[in-house]
Amino acid sequence: MLSPNEEIDRALDILALPKLITKEDIKRQYHFLAKKNHPDIGGDALQMEQLNSAYTLLMKYIEEFRYTFDEEEVSKQFPGADHAKRYK
């Protein structure tokens, strides 16, 4: 299971986005990639599913928390995610 930091990093990689972005940047990049990869126009269904998941995750995070995805900020928003690792 991935940590919140790893999930967000993976989503950013899938959408080819940097860590400091706006909501509009996410939307714009998602729509650009969705047009290229949609199965109805010959794209890959798995790729589209990954794009949808990444978009949903980033939009949920950005609406509920912050506009930055650096590791320190994500750790502040999900404090319990690394709790078990600290005491190993």
PDB file of N, CA and C in Angstrom:
ATOM      1  N   MET A   1       0.838  -1.181   0.000  1.00  0.00           N
ATOM      2  CA  MET A   1       0.000   0.000   0.000  1.00  0.00           C
ATOM      3  C   MET A   1       0.884   1.246   0.000  1.00  0.00           C
ATOM      4  N   LEU A   2       0.558   2.187  -0.830  1.00  0.00           N
ATOM      5  CA  LEU A   2       1.353   3.408  -0.947  1.00  0.00           C
ATOM      6  C   LEU A   2       0.968   4.418   0.120  1.00  0.00           C
ATOM      7  N   SER A   3       1.946   5.190   0.554  1.00  0.00           N
ATOM      8  CA  SER A   3       1.672   6.283   1.485  1.00  0.00           C
ATOM      9  C   SER A   3       1.006   7.420   0.708  1.00  0.00           C
ATOM     10  N   PRO A   4       0.375   8.370   1.413  1.00  0.00           N
ATOM     11  CA  PRO A   4      -0.223   9.509   0.694  1.00  0.00           C
ATOM     12  C   PRO A   4       0.791  10.253  -0.180  1.00  0.00           C
ATOM     13  N   ASN A   5       2.031  10.407   0.324  1.00  0.00           N
ATOM     14  CA  ASN A   5       3.066  11.071  -0.486  1.00  0.00           C
ATOM     15  C   ASN A   5       3.343  10.306  -1.772  1.00  0.00           C
ATOM     16  N   GLU A   6       3.446   8.992  -1.659  1.00  0.00           N
ATOM     17  CA  GLU A   6       3.726   8.175  -2.837  1.00  0.00           C
ATOM     18  C   GLU A   6       2.552   8.190  -3.814  1.00  0.00           C
ATOM     19  N   GLU A   7       1.323   8.155  -3.293  1.00  0.00           N
ATOM     20  CA  GLU A   7       0.146   8.210  -4.164  1.00  0.00           C
ATOM     21  C   GLU A   7       0.098   9.522  -4.935  1.00  0.00           C
ATOM     22  N   ILE A   8       0.362  10.617  -4.246  1.00  0.00           N
ATOM     23  CA  ILE A   8       0.331  11.926  -4.893  1.00  0.00           C
ATOM     24  C   ILE A   8       1.469  12.054  -5.901  1.00  0.00           C
ATOM     25  N   ASP A   9       2.662  11.586  -5.552  1.00  0.00           N
ATOM     26  CA  ASP A   9       3.781  11.614  -6.498  1.00  0.00           C
ATOM     27  C   ASP A   9       3.454  10.804  -7.744  1.00  0.00           C
ATOM     28  N   ARG A  10       2.842   9.657  -7.553  1.00  0.00           N
ATOM     29  CA  ARG A  10       2.467   8.807  -8.686  1.00  0.00           C
ATOM     30  C   ARG A  10       1.433   9.517  -9.564  1.00  0.00           C
ATOM     31  N   ALA A  11       0.433  10.144  -8.929  1.00  0.00           N
ATOM     32  CA  ALA A  11      -0.596  10.870  -9.679  1.00  0.00           C
ATOM     33  C   ALA A  11       0.012  12.027 -10.462  1.00  0.00           C
ATOM     34  N   LEU A  12       0.937  12.743  -9.835  1.00  0.00           N
ATOM     35  CA  LEU A  12       1.610  13.845 -10.533  1.00  0.00           C
ATOM     36  C   LEU A  12       2.418  13.330 -11.718  1.00  0.00           C
ATOM     37  N   ASP A  13       3.069  12.181 -11.546  1.00  0.00           N
ATOM     38  CA  ASP A  13       3.840  11.579 -12.648  1.00  0.00           C
ATOM     39  C   ASP A  13       2.922  11.168 -13.794  1.00  0.00           C
ATOM     40  N   ILE A  14       1.791  10.555 -13.458  1.00  0.00           N
ATOM     41  CA  ILE A  14       0.852  10.115 -14.497  1.00  0.00           C
ATOM     42  C   ILE A  14       0.365  11.304 -15.319  1.00  0.00           C
ATOM     43  N   LEU A  15       0.087  12.419 -14.639  1.00  0.00           N
ATOM     44  CA  LEU A  15      -0.392  13.607 -15.357  1.00  0.00           C
ATOM     45  C   LEU A  15       0.748  14.516 -15.809  1.00  0.00           C
ATOM     46  N   ALA A  16       1.985  14.114 -15.537  1.00  0.00           N
ATOM     47  CA  ALA A  16       3.179  14.886 -15.937  1.00  0.00           C
ATOM     48  C   ALA A  16       3.107  16.324 -15.423  1.00  0.00           C
ATOM     49  N   LEU A  17       2.877  16.460 -14.112  1.00  0.00           N
ATOM     50  CA  LEU A  17       2.746  17.772 -13.486  1.00  0.00           C
ATOM     51  C   LEU A  17       3.824  17.981 -12.426  1.00  0.00           C
ATOM     52  N   PRO A  18       4.229  19.239 -12.206  1.00  0.00           N
ATOM     53  CA  PRO A  18       5.169  19.542 -11.121  1.00  0.00           C
ATOM     54  C   PRO A  18       4.430  19.571  -9.781  1.00  0.00           C
ATOM     55  N   LYS A  19       5.157  19.744  -8.702  1.00  0.00           N
ATOM     56  CA  LYS A  19       4.535  19.734  -7.377  1.00  0.00           C
ATOM     57  C   LYS A  19       3.815  21.023  -7.025  1.00  0.00           C
ATOM     58  N   LEU A  20       4.202  22.132  -7.594  1.00  0.00           N
ATOM     59  CA  LEU A  20       3.553  23.400  -7.291  1.00  0.00           C
ATOM     60  C   LEU A  20       2.683  23.791  -8.479  1.00  0.00           C
ATOM     61  N   ILE A  21       1.374  23.573  -8.341  1.00  0.00           N
ATOM     62  CA  ILE A  21       0.439  23.791  -9.445  1.00  0.00           C
ATOM     63  C   ILE A  21      -0.874  24.353  -8.914  1.00  0.00           C
ATOM     64  N   THR A  22      -1.720  24.755  -9.836  1.00  0.00           N
ATOM     65  CA  THR A  22      -3.050  25.228  -9.467  1.00  0.00           C
ATOM     66  C   THR A  22      -4.089  24.204  -9.911  1.00  0.00           C
ATOM     67  N   LYS A  23      -5.289  24.412  -9.448  1.00  0.00           N
ATOM     68  CA  LYS A  23      -6.402  23.558  -9.837  1.00  0.00           C
ATOM     69  C   LYS A  23      -6.607  23.603 -11.348  1.00  0.00           C
ATOM     70  N   GLU A  24      -6.466  24.786 -11.918  1.00  0.00           N
ATOM     71  CA  GLU A  24      -6.622  24.943 -13.371  1.00  0.00           C
ATOM     72  C   GLU A  24      -5.538  24.186 -14.138  1.00  0.00           C
ATOM     73  N   ASP A  25      -4.321  24.149 -13.599  1.00  0.00           N
ATOM     74  CA  ASP A  25      -3.244  23.388 -14.245  1.00  0.00           C
ATOM     75  C   ASP A  25      -3.603  21.907 -14.307  1.00  0.00           C
ATOM     76  N   ILE A  26      -4.167  21.394 -13.222  1.00  0.00           N
ATOM     77  CA  ILE A  26      -4.554  19.981 -13.182  1.00  0.00           C
ATOM     78  C   ILE A  26      -5.643  19.718 -14.226  1.00  0.00           C
ATOM     79  N   LYS A  27      -6.661  20.564 -14.250  1.00  0.00           N
ATOM     80  CA  LYS A  27      -7.760  20.392 -15.211  1.00  0.00           C
ATOM     81  C   LYS A  27      -7.259  20.452 -16.647  1.00  0.00           C
ATOM     82  N   ARG A  28      -6.439  21.455 -16.929  1.00  0.00           N
ATOM     83  CA  ARG A  28      -5.931  21.647 -18.291  1.00  0.00           C
ATOM     84  C   ARG A  28      -5.117  20.440 -18.748  1.00  0.00           C
ATOM     85  N   GLN A  29      -4.226  19.963 -17.901  1.00  0.00           N
ATOM     86  CA  GLN A  29      -3.377  18.824 -18.259  1.00  0.00           C
ATOM     87  C   GLN A  29      -4.200  17.548 -18.393  1.00  0.00           C
ATOM     88  N   TYR A  30      -5.160  17.359 -17.509  1.00  0.00           N
ATOM     89  CA  TYR A  30      -6.019  16.174 -17.584  1.00  0.00           C
ATOM     90  C   TYR A  30      -6.784  16.161 -18.906  1.00  0.00           C
ATOM     91  N   HIS A  31      -7.394  17.280 -19.256  1.00  0.00           N
ATOM     92  CA  HIS A  31      -8.168  17.340 -20.507  1.00  0.00           C
ATOM     93  C   HIS A  31      -7.273  17.119 -21.729  1.00  0.00           C
ATOM     94  N   PHE A  32      -6.081  17.667 -21.701  1.00  0.00           N
ATOM     95  CA  PHE A  32      -5.131  17.479 -22.795  1.00  0.00           C
ATOM     96  C   PHE A  32      -4.791  15.995 -22.962  1.00  0.00           C
ATOM     97  N   LEU A  33      -4.448  15.337 -21.841  1.00  0.00           N
ATOM     98  CA  LEU A  33      -4.070  13.920 -21.909  1.00  0.00           C
ATOM     99  C   LEU A  33      -5.276  13.025 -22.195  1.00  0.00           C
ATOM    100  N   ALA A  34      -6.443  13.394 -21.675  1.00  0.00           N
ATOM    101  CA  ALA A  34      -7.642  12.590 -21.918  1.00  0.00           C
ATOM    102  C   ALA A  34      -8.021  12.593 -23.399  1.00  0.00           C
ATOM    103  N   LYS A  35      -7.856  13.727 -24.049  1.00  0.00           N
ATOM    104  CA  LYS A  35      -8.155  13.795 -25.484  1.00  0.00           C
ATOM    105  C   LYS A  35      -7.231  12.882 -26.281  1.00  0.00           C
ATOM    106  N   LYS A  36      -5.991  12.762 -25.851  1.00  0.00           N
ATOM    107  CA  LYS A  36      -5.025  11.921 -26.561  1.00  0.00           C
ATOM    108  C   LYS A  36      -5.211  10.438 -26.262  1.00  0.00           C
ATOM    109  N   ASN A  37      -5.688  10.102 -25.065  1.00  0.00           N
ATOM    110  CA  ASN A  37      -5.705   8.712 -24.618  1.00  0.00           C
ATOM    111  C   ASN A  37      -7.088   8.092 -24.475  1.00  0.00           C
ATOM    112  N   HIS A  38      -8.137   8.792 -24.869  1.00  0.00           N
ATOM    113  CA  HIS A  38      -9.485   8.260 -24.684  1.00  0.00           C
ATOM    114  C   HIS A  38      -9.697   7.034 -25.573  1.00  0.00           C
ATOM    115  N   PRO A  39     -10.260   5.962 -25.000  1.00  0.00           N
ATOM    116  CA  PRO A  39     -10.469   4.729 -25.785  1.00  0.00           C
ATOM    117  C   PRO A  39     -11.380   4.908 -26.997  1.00  0.00           C
ATOM    118  N   ASP A  40     -12.290   5.853 -26.954  1.00  0.00           N
ATOM    119  CA  ASP A  40     -13.192   6.069 -28.093  1.00  0.00           C
ATOM    120  C   ASP A  40     -12.470   6.569 -29.334  1.00  0.00           C
ATOM    121  N   ILE A  41     -11.289   7.136 -29.152  1.00  0.00           N
ATOM    122  CA  ILE A  41     -10.526   7.617 -30.316  1.00  0.00           C
ATOM    123  C   ILE A  41      -9.230   6.828 -30.493  1.00  0.00           C
ATOM    124  N   GLY A  42      -9.236   5.586 -29.994  1.00  0.00           N
ATOM    125  CA  GLY A  42      -8.094   4.705 -30.209  1.00  0.00           C
ATOM    126  C   GLY A  42      -7.068   4.690 -29.096  1.00  0.00           C
ATOM    127  N   GLY A  43      -7.357   5.332 -27.986  1.00  0.00           N
ATOM    128  CA  GLY A  43      -6.434   5.339 -26.858  1.00  0.00           C
ATOM    129  C   GLY A  43      -6.551   4.070 -26.028  1.00  0.00           C
ATOM    130  N   ASP A  44      -5.711   3.982 -25.029  1.00  0.00           N
ATOM    131  CA  ASP A  44      -5.643   2.815 -24.165  1.00  0.00           C
ATOM    132  C   ASP A  44      -6.579   2.990 -22.968  1.00  0.00           C
ATOM    133  N   ALA A  45      -7.442   2.001 -22.731  1.00  0.00           N
ATOM    134  CA  ALA A  45      -8.402   2.070 -21.623  1.00  0.00           C
ATOM    135  C   ALA A  45      -7.696   2.095 -20.271  1.00  0.00           C
ATOM    136  N   LEU A  46      -6.625   1.341 -20.115  1.00  0.00           N
ATOM    137  CA  LEU A  46      -5.874   1.318 -18.854  1.00  0.00           C
ATOM    138  C   LEU A  46      -5.232   2.676 -18.586  1.00  0.00           C
ATOM    139  N   GLN A  47      -4.666   3.273 -19.609  1.00  0.00           N
ATOM    140  CA  GLN A  47      -4.066   4.601 -19.475  1.00  0.00           C
ATOM    141  C   GLN A  47      -5.130   5.626 -19.059  1.00  0.00           C
ATOM    142  N   MET A  48      -6.297   5.529 -19.648  1.00  0.00           N
ATOM    143  CA  MET A  48      -7.382   6.457 -19.319  1.00  0.00           C
ATOM    144  C   MET A  48      -7.838   6.253 -17.876  1.00  0.00           C
ATOM    145  N   GLU A  49      -7.892   5.012 -17.448  1.00  0.00           N
ATOM    146  CA  GLU A  49      -8.268   4.717 -16.062  1.00  0.00           C
ATOM    147  C   GLU A  49      -7.255   5.320 -15.087  1.00  0.00           C
ATOM    148  N   GLN A  50      -5.973   5.229 -15.420  1.00  0.00           N
ATOM    149  CA  GLN A  50      -4.930   5.829 -14.579  1.00  0.00           C
ATOM    150  C   GLN A  50      -5.057   7.351 -14.550  1.00  0.00           C
ATOM    151  N   LEU A  51      -5.330   7.944 -15.689  1.00  0.00           N
ATOM    152  CA  LEU A  51      -5.527   9.393 -15.750  1.00  0.00           C
ATOM    153  C   LEU A  51      -6.707   9.819 -14.885  1.00  0.00           C
ATOM    154  N   ASN A  52      -7.809   9.077 -14.974  1.00  0.00           N
ATOM    155  CA  ASN A  52      -8.992   9.399 -14.177  1.00  0.00           C
ATOM    156  C   ASN A  52      -8.697   9.296 -12.679  1.00  0.00           C
ATOM    157  N   SER A  53      -8.007   8.239 -12.276  1.00  0.00           N
ATOM    158  CA  SER A  53      -7.670   8.050 -10.860  1.00  0.00           C
ATOM    159  C   SER A  53      -6.754   9.159 -10.366  1.00  0.00           C
ATOM    160  N   ALA A  54      -5.751   9.495 -11.157  1.00  0.00           N
ATOM    161  CA  ALA A  54      -4.803  10.547 -10.774  1.00  0.00           C
ATOM    162  C   ALA A  54      -5.521  11.890 -10.662  1.00  0.00           C
ATOM    163  N   TYR A  55      -6.367  12.181 -11.617  1.00  0.00           N
ATOM    164  CA  TYR A  55      -7.126  13.438 -11.603  1.00  0.00           C
ATOM    165  C   TYR A  55      -8.014  13.515 -10.370  1.00  0.00           C
ATOM    166  N   THR A  56      -8.742  12.445 -10.086  1.00  0.00           N
ATOM    167  CA  THR A  56      -9.639  12.416  -8.930  1.00  0.00           C
ATOM    168  C   THR A  56      -8.871  12.626  -7.631  1.00  0.00           C
ATOM    169  N   LEU A  57      -7.764  11.940  -7.476  1.00  0.00           N
ATOM    170  CA  LEU A  57      -6.953  12.063  -6.260  1.00  0.00           C
ATOM    171  C   LEU A  57      -6.425  13.486  -6.083  1.00  0.00           C
ATOM    172  N   LEU A  58      -5.853  14.055  -7.126  1.00  0.00           N
ATOM    173  CA  LEU A  58      -5.282  15.400  -7.016  1.00  0.00           C
ATOM    174  C   LEU A  58      -6.356  16.456  -6.786  1.00  0.00           C
ATOM    175  N   MET A  59      -7.487  16.329  -7.448  1.00  0.00           N
ATOM    176  CA  MET A  59      -8.554  17.308  -7.262  1.00  0.00           C
ATOM    177  C   MET A  59      -9.142  17.215  -5.856  1.00  0.00           C
ATOM    178  N   LYS A  60      -9.280  16.004  -5.344  1.00  0.00           N
ATOM    179  CA  LYS A  60      -9.782  15.833  -3.976  1.00  0.00           C
ATOM    180  C   LYS A  60      -8.823  16.476  -2.982  1.00  0.00           C
ATOM    181  N   TYR A  61      -7.548  16.201  -3.152  1.00  0.00           N
ATOM    182  CA  TYR A  61      -6.544  16.771  -2.248  1.00  0.00           C
ATOM    183  C   TYR A  61      -6.537  18.298  -2.330  1.00  0.00           C
ATOM    184  N   ILE A  62      -6.549  18.820  -3.523  1.00  0.00           N
ATOM    185  CA  ILE A  62      -6.433  20.269  -3.707  1.00  0.00           C
ATOM    186  C   ILE A  62      -7.678  20.991  -3.181  1.00  0.00           C
ATOM    187  N   GLU A  63      -8.847  20.375  -3.302  1.00  0.00           N
ATOM    188  CA  GLU A  63     -10.070  20.999  -2.803  1.00  0.00           C
ATOM    189  C   GLU A  63     -10.147  20.951  -1.284  1.00  0.00           C
ATOM    190  N   GLU A  64      -9.616  19.894  -0.684  1.00  0.00           N
ATOM    191  CA  GLU A  64      -9.726  19.732   0.759  1.00  0.00           C
ATOM    192  C   GLU A  64      -8.547  20.325   1.519  1.00  0.00           C
ATOM    193  N   PHE A  65      -7.408  20.435   0.872  1.00  0.00           N
ATOM    194  CA  PHE A  65      -6.223  20.836   1.609  1.00  0.00           C
ATOM    195  C   PHE A  65      -5.488  22.018   0.995  1.00  0.00           C
ATOM    196  N   ARG A  66      -4.516  21.760   0.143  1.00  0.00           N
ATOM    197  CA  ARG A  66      -3.585  22.790  -0.318  1.00  0.00           C
ATOM    198  C   ARG A  66      -3.388  22.754  -1.826  1.00  0.00           C
ATOM    199  N   TYR A  67      -2.599  23.742  -2.292  1.00  0.00           N
ATOM    200  CA  TYR A  67      -2.240  23.809  -3.711  1.00  0.00           C
ATOM    201  C   TYR A  67      -0.814  23.368  -3.965  1.00  0.00           C
ATOM    202  N   THR A  68      -0.168  22.813  -2.979  1.00  0.00           N
ATOM    203  CA  THR A  68       1.190  22.333  -3.187  1.00  0.00           C
ATOM    204  C   THR A  68       1.259  20.862  -2.832  1.00  0.00           C
ATOM    205  N   PHE A  69       2.084  20.131  -3.513  1.00  0.00           N
ATOM    206  CA  PHE A  69       2.184  18.703  -3.298  1.00  0.00           C
ATOM    207  C   PHE A  69       3.568  18.296  -2.804  1.00  0.00           C
ATOM    208  N   ASP A  70       4.294  19.227  -2.144  1.00  0.00           N
ATOM    209  CA  ASP A  70       5.600  18.803  -1.670  1.00  0.00           C
ATOM    210  C   ASP A  70       5.415  17.901  -0.453  1.00  0.00           C
ATOM    211  N   GLU A  71       6.405  17.093  -0.178  1.00  0.00           N
ATOM    212  CA  GLU A  71       6.304  16.034   0.818  1.00  0.00           C
ATOM    213  C   GLU A  71       5.962  16.568   2.209  1.00  0.00           C
ATOM    214  N   GLU A  72       6.548  17.671   2.588  1.00  0.00           N
ATOM    215  CA  GLU A  72       6.293  18.239   3.914  1.00  0.00           C
ATOM    216  C   GLU A  72       4.834  18.649   4.065  1.00  0.00           C
ATOM    217  N   GLU A  73       4.282  19.279   3.046  1.00  0.00           N
ATOM    218  CA  GLU A  73       2.888  19.729   3.105  1.00  0.00           C
ATOM    219  C   GLU A  73       1.928  18.544   3.147  1.00  0.00           C
ATOM    220  N   VAL A  74       2.193  17.522   2.353  1.00  0.00           N
ATOM    221  CA  VAL A  74       1.335  16.341   2.353  1.00  0.00           C
ATOM    222  C   VAL A  74       1.383  15.660   3.721  1.00  0.00           C
ATOM    223  N   SER A  75       2.558  15.592   4.327  1.00  0.00           N
ATOM    224  CA  SER A  75       2.696  14.979   5.650  1.00  0.00           C
ATOM    225  C   SER A  75       1.891  15.733   6.699  1.00  0.00           C
ATOM    226  N   LYS A  76       1.811  17.048   6.562  1.00  0.00           N
ATOM    227  CA  LYS A  76       1.009  17.842   7.500  1.00  0.00           C
ATOM    228  C   LYS A  76      -0.478  17.517   7.361  1.00  0.00           C
ATOM    229  N   GLN A  77      -0.926  17.264   6.146  1.00  0.00           N
ATOM    230  CA  GLN A  77      -2.341  17.021   5.899  1.00  0.00           C
ATOM    231  C   GLN A  77      -2.751  15.592   6.239  1.00  0.00           C
ATOM    232  N   PHE A  78      -1.811  14.654   6.194  1.00  0.00           N
ATOM    233  CA  PHE A  78      -2.071  13.255   6.519  1.00  0.00           C
ATOM    234  C   PHE A  78      -1.117  12.833   7.629  1.00  0.00           C
ATOM    235  N   PRO A  79      -1.259  13.384   8.834  1.00  0.00           N
ATOM    236  CA  PRO A  79      -0.275  13.129   9.891  1.00  0.00           C
ATOM    237  C   PRO A  79      -0.199  11.667  10.323  1.00  0.00           C
ATOM    238  N   GLY A  80      -1.275  10.923  10.243  1.00  0.00           N
ATOM    239  CA  GLY A  80      -1.250   9.532  10.691  1.00  0.00           C
ATOM    240  C   GLY A  80      -0.622   8.577   9.707  1.00  0.00           C
ATOM    241  N   ALA A  81      -0.404   8.998   8.494  1.00  0.00           N
ATOM    242  CA  ALA A  81       0.099   8.104   7.456  1.00  0.00           C
ATOM    243  C   ALA A  81       1.488   7.578   7.777  1.00  0.00           C
ATOM    244  N   ASP A  82       2.333   8.396   8.364  1.00  0.00           N
ATOM    245  CA  ASP A  82       3.691   7.973   8.669  1.00  0.00           C
ATOM    246  C   ASP A  82       3.862   7.598  10.135  1.00  0.00           C
ATOM    247  N   HIS A  83       2.783   7.572  10.879  1.00  0.00           N
ATOM    248  CA  HIS A  83       2.852   7.326  12.309  1.00  0.00           C
ATOM    249  C   HIS A  83       3.513   5.980  12.625  1.00  0.00           C
ATOM    250  N   ALA A  84       3.091   4.928  11.958  1.00  0.00           N
ATOM    251  CA  ALA A  84       3.641   3.596  12.233  1.00  0.00           C
ATOM    252  C   ALA A  84       5.113   3.515  11.861  1.00  0.00           C
ATOM    253  N   LYS A  85       5.532   4.216  10.820  1.00  0.00           N
ATOM    254  CA  LYS A  85       6.929   4.173  10.381  1.00  0.00           C
ATOM    255  C   LYS A  85       7.855   4.804  11.421  1.00  0.00           C
ATOM    256  N   ARG A  86       7.369   5.813  12.117  1.00  0.00           N
ATOM    257  CA  ARG A  86       8.205   6.519  13.089  1.00  0.00           C
ATOM    258  C   ARG A  86       8.608   5.647  14.272  1.00  0.00           C
ATOM    259  N   TYR A  87       7.803   4.633  14.567  1.00  0.00           N
ATOM    260  CA  TYR A  87       8.031   3.824  15.763  1.00  0.00           C
ATOM    261  C   TYR A  87       8.505   2.413  15.466  1.00  0.00           C
ATOM    262  N   LYS A  88       9.047   2.197  14.306  1.00  0.00           N
ATOM    263  CA  LYS A  88       9.590   0.882  13.971  1.00  0.00           C
ATOM    264  C   LYS A  88      11.009   0.771  14.424  1.00  0.00           C
TER     265      LYS A  88
END
